Amino acid sequence: MKRKFVVYRRVSTSRQFQSGLGLDAQSESVRRYLSTQPDAVVLGDFVEAESGKNDDRPILHRAVELCRKENATLLVSKIDRLSRSLRLIMMLEQYRIRFIAADHPEMNELVCHIMVAIGQAERKTIAPRVREALRQAKLRGVKLGGPNIAEARQLANKARTEKAKEQNDRLRKVVVEVMEKTGLSKLAEIAQALNLRGIKTARGSEFTPTHIHRLLKAA
C-alpha cells in the first residue's frame, strides 16, 4: 500500500523565494527522507514565502486541505519550516493532520510541542537581551557605530556577486567586533544585534543565525 505525502517548503522572504536560497536545502532533506520510504508517493509540493510567525498562510492551508482530502501526511524538512507557533501545531493535531519533519522523523507529539515552545520563548527573549547588551556596551564607551561598521553597512547594501567574498570578509570582522565588545555569543543574538543596527548581508537581506554560522565557519 502506497504511503501518501504532501510536501511543504517555506522561506521567510520573497528574495529567498526568488533566489531559491534555502529551498534547495529543504528539497534535499525531503528527498533523503523519501528515499528511505520505498512505498512513498508525493501528491503535491507546495512552496511559500512567508514568515514562520504568521499562521495565516494560504499555501500551507492548501497543502493541509490536500492532506485532509487524500488522508496524506504533511512532510517538511524541519519543524520550524512548518510553523514556529505552538497554536498551529496543536490545530493540525486537533484536525488529525499527520506531519513529519524529515530531519527528525521519529519526533513524537510531546517532543514537537517542547521544541516549538522553546523556540517561541527564545524568540521573545532575544531582542531584549541584544538591546541591553548594546546599551551596556554604549555606556562603557564602546563605539559600535564607527567607520568600520559604516563601511560594512555600505558595502553590504551595494551587494554584488563579484564582491561577495570581500564583503563577507568585512562582515566577518564586524561579527567578531560585536562578539568581543558586547559579550554576545549565541548566533541568534549576534544576528539580532546586526539587524537592529541596520547592517545587511552581502545579498542585502537581514541576518539569520545561519548567516552568522557561515561567516564564522569561512574564516
C-alpha atoms as a PDB file:
ATOM      1  CA  MET A   1       0.000   0.000   0.000  1.00  0.00           C
ATOM      2  CA  LYS A   2       1.343   3.390  -1.002  1.00  0.00           C
ATOM      3  CA  ARG A   3       2.069   5.962   1.699  1.00  0.00           C
ATOM      4  CA  LYS A   4       0.871   9.377   0.545  1.00  0.00           C
ATOM      5  CA  PHE A   5       2.783  12.586   1.267  1.00  0.00           C
ATOM      6  CA  VAL A   6       2.235  16.287   0.624  1.00  0.00           C
ATOM      7  CA  VAL A   7       5.487  18.267   0.702  1.00  0.00           C
ATOM      8  CA  TYR A   8       5.553  21.806   2.115  1.00  0.00           C
ATOM      9  CA  ARG A   9       8.596  24.072   1.830  1.00  0.00           C
ATOM     10  CA  ARG A  10       8.825  27.595   3.223  1.00  0.00           C
ATOM     11  CA  VAL A  11      11.210  30.548   3.173  1.00  0.00           C
ATOM     12  CA  SER A  12      10.705  33.778   5.074  1.00  0.00           C
ATOM     13  CA  THR A  13      11.148  36.368   2.304  1.00  0.00           C
ATOM     14  CA  SER A  14      10.302  36.841  -1.374  1.00  0.00           C
ATOM     15  CA  ARG A  15      14.022  37.429  -2.011  1.00  0.00           C
ATOM     16  CA  GLN A  16      14.823  33.935  -0.744  1.00  0.00           C
ATOM     17  CA  PHE A  17      11.927  32.568  -2.772  1.00  0.00           C
ATOM     18  CA  GLN A  18      13.173  34.147  -5.996  1.00  0.00           C
ATOM     19  CA  SER A  19      16.792  33.149  -5.454  1.00  0.00           C
ATOM     20  CA  GLY A  20      15.989  29.619  -4.298  1.00  0.00           C
ATOM     21  CA  LEU A  21      18.185  30.112  -1.239  1.00  0.00           C
ATOM     22  CA  GLY A  22      17.010  27.742   1.468  1.00  0.00           C
ATOM     23  CA  LEU A  23      14.568  25.899  -0.788  1.00  0.00           C
ATOM     24  CA  ASP A  24      17.242  23.669  -2.309  1.00  0.00           C
ATOM     25  CA  ALA A  25      18.410  22.527   1.122  1.00  0.00           C
ATOM     26  CA  GLN A  26      14.821  21.753   2.132  1.00  0.00           C
ATOM     27  CA  SER A  27      14.273  19.810  -1.084  1.00  0.00           C
ATOM     28  CA  GLU A  28      17.389  17.735  -0.452  1.00  0.00           C
ATOM     29  CA  SER A  29      16.333  16.974   3.117  1.00  0.00           C
ATOM     30  CA  VAL A  30      12.898  15.867   1.943  1.00  0.00           C
ATOM     31  CA  ARG A  31      14.408  13.823  -0.896  1.00  0.00           C
ATOM     32  CA  ARG A  32      16.679  11.960   1.507  1.00  0.00           C
ATOM     33  CA  TYR A  33      13.760  11.079   3.748  1.00  0.00           C
ATOM     34  CA  LEU A  34      11.578   9.919   0.850  1.00  0.00           C
ATOM     35  CA  SER A  35      14.424   7.715  -0.378  1.00  0.00           C
ATOM     36  CA  THR A  36      14.008   5.703   2.831  1.00  0.00           C
ATOM     37  CA  GLN A  37      10.304   5.192   2.114  1.00  0.00           C
ATOM     38  CA  PRO A  38      10.043   2.842  -0.880  1.00  0.00           C
ATOM     39  CA  ASP A  39       6.217   2.928  -0.825  1.00  0.00           C
ATOM     40  CA  ALA A  40       6.020   6.764  -0.764  1.00  0.00           C
ATOM     41  CA  VAL A  41       4.054   8.764  -3.321  1.00  0.00           C
ATOM     42  CA  VAL A  42       4.104  12.575  -3.381  1.00  0.00           C
ATOM     43  CA  LEU A  43       0.704  14.083  -4.163  1.00  0.00           C
ATOM     44  CA  GLY A  44       1.842  17.702  -4.168  1.00  0.00           C
ATOM     45  CA  ASP A  45       4.796  20.002  -3.498  1.00  0.00           C
ATOM     46  CA  PHE A  46       3.812  23.396  -2.067  1.00  0.00           C
ATOM     47  CA  VAL A  47       6.253  26.299  -1.730  1.00  0.00           C
ATOM     48  CA  GLU A  48       5.581  29.536   0.159  1.00  0.00           C
ATOM     49  CA  ALA A  49       7.377  32.771   1.055  1.00  0.00           C
ATOM     50  CA  GLU A  50       6.019  33.790   4.434  1.00  0.00           C
ATOM     51  CA  SER A  51       7.232  34.357   7.982  1.00  0.00           C
ATOM     52  CA  GLY A  52       7.020  31.369  10.282  1.00  0.00           C
ATOM     53  CA  LYS A  53       5.364  33.631  12.841  1.00  0.00           C
ATOM     54  CA  ASN A  54       2.327  34.015  10.580  1.00  0.00           C
ATOM     55  CA  ASP A  55      -0.161  31.165  10.822  1.00  0.00           C
ATOM     56  CA  ASP A  56      -2.432  32.610   8.121  1.00  0.00           C
ATOM     57  CA  ARG A  57      -0.631  31.134   5.122  1.00  0.00           C
ATOM     58  CA  PRO A  58      -2.776  30.361   2.047  1.00  0.00           C
ATOM     59  CA  ILE A  59      -0.288  27.926   0.506  1.00  0.00           C
ATOM     60  CA  LEU A  60       0.034  25.981   3.744  1.00  0.00           C
ATOM     61  CA  HIS A  61      -3.755  25.862   4.006  1.00  0.00           C
ATOM     62  CA  ARG A  62      -3.929  24.362   0.519  1.00  0.00           C
ATOM     63  CA  ALA A  63      -1.355  21.747   1.460  1.00  0.00           C
ATOM     64  CA  VAL A  64      -3.294  20.884   4.629  1.00  0.00           C
ATOM     65  CA  GLU A  65      -6.568  20.623   2.705  1.00  0.00           C
ATOM     66  CA  LEU A  66      -4.975  18.185   0.277  1.00  0.00           C
ATOM     67  CA  CYS A  67      -3.739  16.114   3.224  1.00  0.00           C
ATOM     68  CA  ARG A  68      -7.259  16.021   4.654  1.00  0.00           C
ATOM     69  CA  LYS A  69      -8.815  15.111   1.319  1.00  0.00           C
ATOM     70  CA  GLU A  70      -6.330  12.351   0.485  1.00  0.00           C
ATOM     71  CA  ASN A  71      -5.529  11.183   4.027  1.00  0.00           C
ATOM     72  CA  ALA A  72      -1.906  12.067   3.348  1.00  0.00           C
ATOM     73  CA  THR A  73       0.987  13.065   5.613  1.00  0.00           C
ATOM     74  CA  LEU A  74       2.373  16.608   5.507  1.00  0.00           C
ATOM     75  CA  LEU A  75       6.145  16.427   5.006  1.00  0.00           C
ATOM     76  CA  VAL A  76       8.528  19.291   5.843  1.00  0.00           C
ATOM     77  CA  SER A  77      12.315  19.437   6.099  1.00  0.00           C
ATOM     78  CA  LYS A  78      12.323  20.824   9.660  1.00  0.00           C
ATOM     79  CA  ILE A  79       9.591  21.560  12.148  1.00  0.00           C
ATOM     80  CA  ASP A  80      10.294  25.315  12.032  1.00  0.00           C
ATOM     81  CA  ARG A  81       9.594  25.268   8.270  1.00  0.00           C
ATOM     82  CA  LEU A  82       6.065  24.201   9.158  1.00  0.00           C
ATOM     83  CA  SER A  83       5.500  26.700  11.933  1.00  0.00           C
ATOM     84  CA  ARG A  84       7.087  28.499  14.839  1.00  0.00           C
ATOM     85  CA  SER A  85       3.698  28.659  16.522  1.00  0.00           C
ATOM     86  CA  LEU A  86       2.549  26.062  19.004  1.00  0.00           C
ATOM     87  CA  ARG A  87      -1.038  27.095  18.249  1.00  0.00           C
ATOM     88  CA  LEU A  88      -0.785  25.984  14.621  1.00  0.00           C
ATOM     89  CA  ILE A  89       0.908  22.703  15.546  1.00  0.00           C
ATOM     90  CA  MET A  90      -1.893  21.950  18.011  1.00  0.00           C
ATOM     91  CA  MET A  91      -4.503  22.866  15.401  1.00  0.00           C
ATOM     92  CA  LEU A  92      -3.038  20.346  12.956  1.00  0.00           C
ATOM     93  CA  GLU A  93      -3.134  17.688  15.644  1.00  0.00           C
ATOM     94  CA  GLN A  94      -6.713  18.613  16.513  1.00  0.00           C
ATOM     95  CA  TYR A  95      -7.765  18.038  12.904  1.00  0.00           C
ATOM     96  CA  ARG A  96      -5.718  14.819  12.819  1.00  0.00           C
ATOM     97  CA  ILE A  97      -3.319  16.079  10.160  1.00  0.00           C
ATOM     98  CA  ARG A  98      -0.225  13.883  10.324  1.00  0.00           C
ATOM     99  CA  PHE A  99       3.062  15.652   9.753  1.00  0.00           C
ATOM    100  CA  ILE A 100       6.689  14.607   9.664  1.00  0.00           C
ATOM    101  CA  ALA A 101       9.896  16.634   9.816  1.00  0.00           C
ATOM    102  CA  ALA A 102      12.471  14.941   7.576  1.00  0.00           C
ATOM    103  CA  ASP A 103      15.369  15.867   9.872  1.00  0.00           C
ATOM    104  CA  HIS A 104      13.636  14.301  12.892  1.00  0.00           C
ATOM    105  CA  PRO A 105      11.109  11.738  11.600  1.00  0.00           C
ATOM    106  CA  GLU A 106      10.866   9.875  14.908  1.00  0.00           C
ATOM    107  CA  MET A 107       9.751  13.009  16.771  1.00  0.00           C
ATOM    108  CA  ASN A 108       6.604  12.417  18.798  1.00  0.00           C
ATOM    109  CA  GLU A 109       3.897  14.905  19.814  1.00  0.00           C
ATOM    110  CA  LEU A 110       5.472  15.764  23.184  1.00  0.00           C
ATOM    111  CA  VAL A 111       8.935  16.439  21.727  1.00  0.00           C
ATOM    112  CA  CYS A 112       7.385  18.551  18.966  1.00  0.00           C
ATOM    113  CA  HIS A 113       5.499  20.704  21.496  1.00  0.00           C
ATOM    114  CA  ILE A 114       8.617  21.173  23.593  1.00  0.00           C
ATOM    115  CA  MET A 115      10.758  22.191  20.598  1.00  0.00           C
ATOM    116  CA  VAL A 116       8.217  24.729  19.322  1.00  0.00           C
ATOM    117  CA  ALA A 117       7.537  26.124  22.799  1.00  0.00           C
ATOM    118  CA  ILE A 118      11.260  26.576  23.469  1.00  0.00           C
ATOM    119  CA  GLY A 119      11.651  28.317  20.130  1.00  0.00           C
ATOM    120  CA  GLN A 120       8.791  30.699  20.948  1.00  0.00           C
ATOM    121  CA  ALA A 121      10.262  31.522  24.356  1.00  0.00           C
ATOM    122  CA  GLU A 122      13.749  32.048  22.922  1.00  0.00           C
ATOM    123  CA  ARG A 123      12.495  34.490  20.266  1.00  0.00           C
ATOM    124  CA  LYS A 124      10.713  36.544  22.924  1.00  0.00           C
ATOM    125  CA  THR A 125      13.892  36.938  24.976  1.00  0.00           C
ATOM    126  CA  ILE A 126      16.476  37.503  22.227  1.00  0.00           C
ATOM    127  CA  ALA A 127      15.582  41.103  21.323  1.00  0.00           C
ATOM    128  CA  PRO A 128      15.610  42.450  24.936  1.00  0.00           C
ATOM    129  CA  ARG A 129      18.931  40.706  25.647  1.00  0.00           C
ATOM    130  CA  VAL A 130      20.514  42.094  22.499  1.00  0.00           C
ATOM    131  CA  ARG A 131      19.263  45.641  23.136  1.00  0.00           C
ATOM    132  CA  GLU A 132      20.538  45.503  26.703  1.00  0.00           C
ATOM    133  CA  ALA A 133      23.948  44.211  25.574  1.00  0.00           C
ATOM    134  CA  LEU A 134      24.213  47.041  23.035  1.00  0.00           C
ATOM    135  CA  ARG A 135      23.119  49.595  25.658  1.00  0.00           C
ATOM    136  CA  GLN A 136      25.664  48.356  28.181  1.00  0.00           C
ATOM    137  CA  ALA A 137      28.410  48.468  25.552  1.00  0.00           C
ATOM    138  CA  LYS A 138      27.460  52.066  24.740  1.00  0.00           C
ATOM    139  CA  LEU A 139      27.529  53.002  28.447  1.00  0.00           C
ATOM    140  CA  ARG A 140      31.054  51.596  28.654  1.00  0.00           C
ATOM    141  CA  GLY A 141      32.058  53.994  25.913  1.00  0.00           C
ATOM    142  CA  VAL A 142      32.335  51.350  23.202  1.00  0.00           C
ATOM    143  CA  LYS A 143      31.816  52.881  19.772  1.00  0.00           C
ATOM    144  CA  LEU A 144      29.787  50.428  17.752  1.00  0.00           C
ATOM    145  CA  GLY A 145      28.934  52.883  15.020  1.00  0.00           C
ATOM    146  CA  GLY A 146      32.491  53.685  13.974  1.00  0.00           C
ATOM    147  CA  PRO A 147      33.973  53.803  10.467  1.00  0.00           C
ATOM    148  CA  ASN A 148      34.397  50.036  10.181  1.00  0.00           C
ATOM    149  CA  ILE A 149      30.698  49.450  10.904  1.00  0.00           C
ATOM    150  CA  ALA A 150      29.595  52.158   8.488  1.00  0.00           C
ATOM    151  CA  GLU A 151      31.870  50.768   5.806  1.00  0.00           C
ATOM    152  CA  ALA A 152      30.483  47.271   6.311  1.00  0.00           C
ATOM    153  CA  ARG A 153      26.920  48.605   6.015  1.00  0.00           C
ATOM    154  CA  GLN A 154      27.735  50.491   2.836  1.00  0.00           C
ATOM    155  CA  LEU A 155      29.468  47.512   1.273  1.00  0.00           C
ATOM    156  CA  ALA A 156      26.632  45.156   2.209  1.00  0.00           C
ATOM    157  CA  ASN A 157      23.995  47.477   0.771  1.00  0.00           C
ATOM    158  CA  LYS A 158      25.917  47.560  -2.521  1.00  0.00           C
ATOM    159  CA  ALA A 159      25.968  43.778  -2.615  1.00  0.00           C
ATOM    160  CA  ARG A 160      27.298  42.411  -5.864  1.00  0.00           C
ATOM    161  CA  THR A 161      28.101  38.811  -6.652  1.00  0.00           C
ATOM    162  CA  GLU A 162      31.659  39.585  -7.762  1.00  0.00           C
ATOM    163  CA  LYS A 163      32.386  41.347  -4.478  1.00  0.00           C
ATOM    164  CA  ALA A 164      30.733  38.759  -2.235  1.00  0.00           C
ATOM    165  CA  LYS A 165      33.990  37.393  -0.813  1.00  0.00           C
ATOM    166  CA  GLU A 166      35.343  40.849   0.003  1.00  0.00           C
ATOM    167  CA  GLN A 167      32.046  41.863   1.607  1.00  0.00           C
ATOM    168  CA  ASN A 168      31.842  38.690   3.654  1.00  0.00           C
ATOM    169  CA  ASP A 169      35.403  39.185   4.891  1.00  0.00           C
ATOM    170  CA  ARG A 170      34.492  42.662   6.115  1.00  0.00           C
ATOM    171  CA  LEU A 171      31.190  41.493   7.602  1.00  0.00           C
ATOM    172  CA  ARG A 172      33.050  38.732   9.423  1.00  0.00           C
ATOM    173  CA  LYS A 173      35.210  41.393  11.094  1.00  0.00           C
ATOM    174  CA  VAL A 174      32.033  43.205  12.152  1.00  0.00           C
ATOM    175  CA  VAL A 175      30.640  39.994  13.647  1.00  0.00           C
ATOM    176  CA  VAL A 176      33.837  39.417  15.603  1.00  0.00           C
ATOM    177  CA  GLU A 177      33.787  43.032  16.798  1.00  0.00           C
ATOM    178  CA  VAL A 178      30.194  42.708  18.033  1.00  0.00           C
ATOM    179  CA  MET A 179      31.053  39.466  19.855  1.00  0.00           C
ATOM    180  CA  GLU A 180      34.127  40.972  21.512  1.00  0.00           C
ATOM    181  CA  LYS A 181      32.577  44.299  22.514  1.00  0.00           C
ATOM    182  CA  THR A 182      29.119  43.156  23.629  1.00  0.00           C
ATOM    183  CA  GLY A 183      29.830  39.702  25.023  1.00  0.00           C
ATOM    184  CA  LEU A 184      27.129  38.176  22.823  1.00  0.00           C
ATOM    185  CA  SER A 185      27.950  34.616  21.780  1.00  0.00           C
ATOM    186  CA  LYS A 186      24.771  32.930  20.568  1.00  0.00           C
ATOM    187  CA  LEU A 187      24.313  33.049  16.795  1.00  0.00           C
ATOM    188  CA  ALA A 188      20.712  34.260  17.079  1.00  0.00           C
ATOM    189  CA  GLU A 189      21.743  37.102  19.391  1.00  0.00           C
ATOM    190  CA  ILE A 190      24.568  38.227  17.101  1.00  0.00           C
ATOM    191  CA  ALA A 191      22.230  38.177  14.091  1.00  0.00           C
ATOM    192  CA  GLN A 192      19.689  40.238  16.015  1.00  0.00           C
ATOM    193  CA  ALA A 193      22.372  42.764  17.013  1.00  0.00           C
ATOM    194  CA  LEU A 194      23.390  43.316  13.383  1.00  0.00           C
ATOM    195  CA  ASN A 195      19.759  43.587  12.265  1.00  0.00           C
ATOM    196  CA  LEU A 196      18.947  46.131  14.982  1.00  0.00           C
ATOM    197  CA  ARG A 197      21.797  48.306  13.709  1.00  0.00           C
ATOM    198  CA  GLY A 198      20.634  48.121  10.099  1.00  0.00           C
ATOM    199  CA  ILE A 199      23.540  46.049   8.784  1.00  0.00           C
ATOM    200  CA  LYS A 200      22.635  43.762   5.893  1.00  0.00           C
ATOM    201  CA  THR A 201      24.146  40.587   4.471  1.00  0.00           C
ATOM    202  CA  ALA A 202      26.104  40.599   1.211  1.00  0.00           C
ATOM    203  CA  ARG A 203      22.793  39.926  -0.563  1.00  0.00           C
ATOM    204  CA  GLY A 204      21.040  42.819   1.157  1.00  0.00           C
ATOM    205  CA  SER A 205      18.835  40.783   3.499  1.00  0.00           C
ATOM    206  CA  GLU A 206      18.606  40.581   7.283  1.00  0.00           C
ATOM    207  CA  PHE A 207      20.952  38.292   9.170  1.00  0.00           C
ATOM    208  CA  THR A 208      19.897  34.887  10.483  1.00  0.00           C
ATOM    209  CA  PRO A 209      21.837  32.512  12.759  1.00  0.00           C
ATOM    210  CA  THR A 210      22.732  30.541   9.621  1.00  0.00           C
ATOM    211  CA  HIS A 211      24.367  33.626   8.054  1.00  0.00           C
ATOM    212  CA  ILE A 212      26.496  34.147  11.176  1.00  0.00           C
ATOM    213  CA  HIS A 213      27.483  30.472  11.261  1.00  0.00           C
ATOM    214  CA  ARG A 214      28.593  30.556   7.620  1.00  0.00           C
ATOM    215  CA  LEU A 215      30.593  33.750   8.082  1.00  0.00           C
ATOM    216  CA  LEU A 216      32.464  32.388  11.082  1.00  0.00           C
ATOM    217  CA  LYS A 217      32.955  28.964   9.529  1.00  0.00           C
ATOM    218  CA  ALA A 218      34.520  30.513   6.419  1.00  0.00           C
ATOM    219  CA  ALA A 219      37.148  32.318   8.474  1.00  0.00           C
END
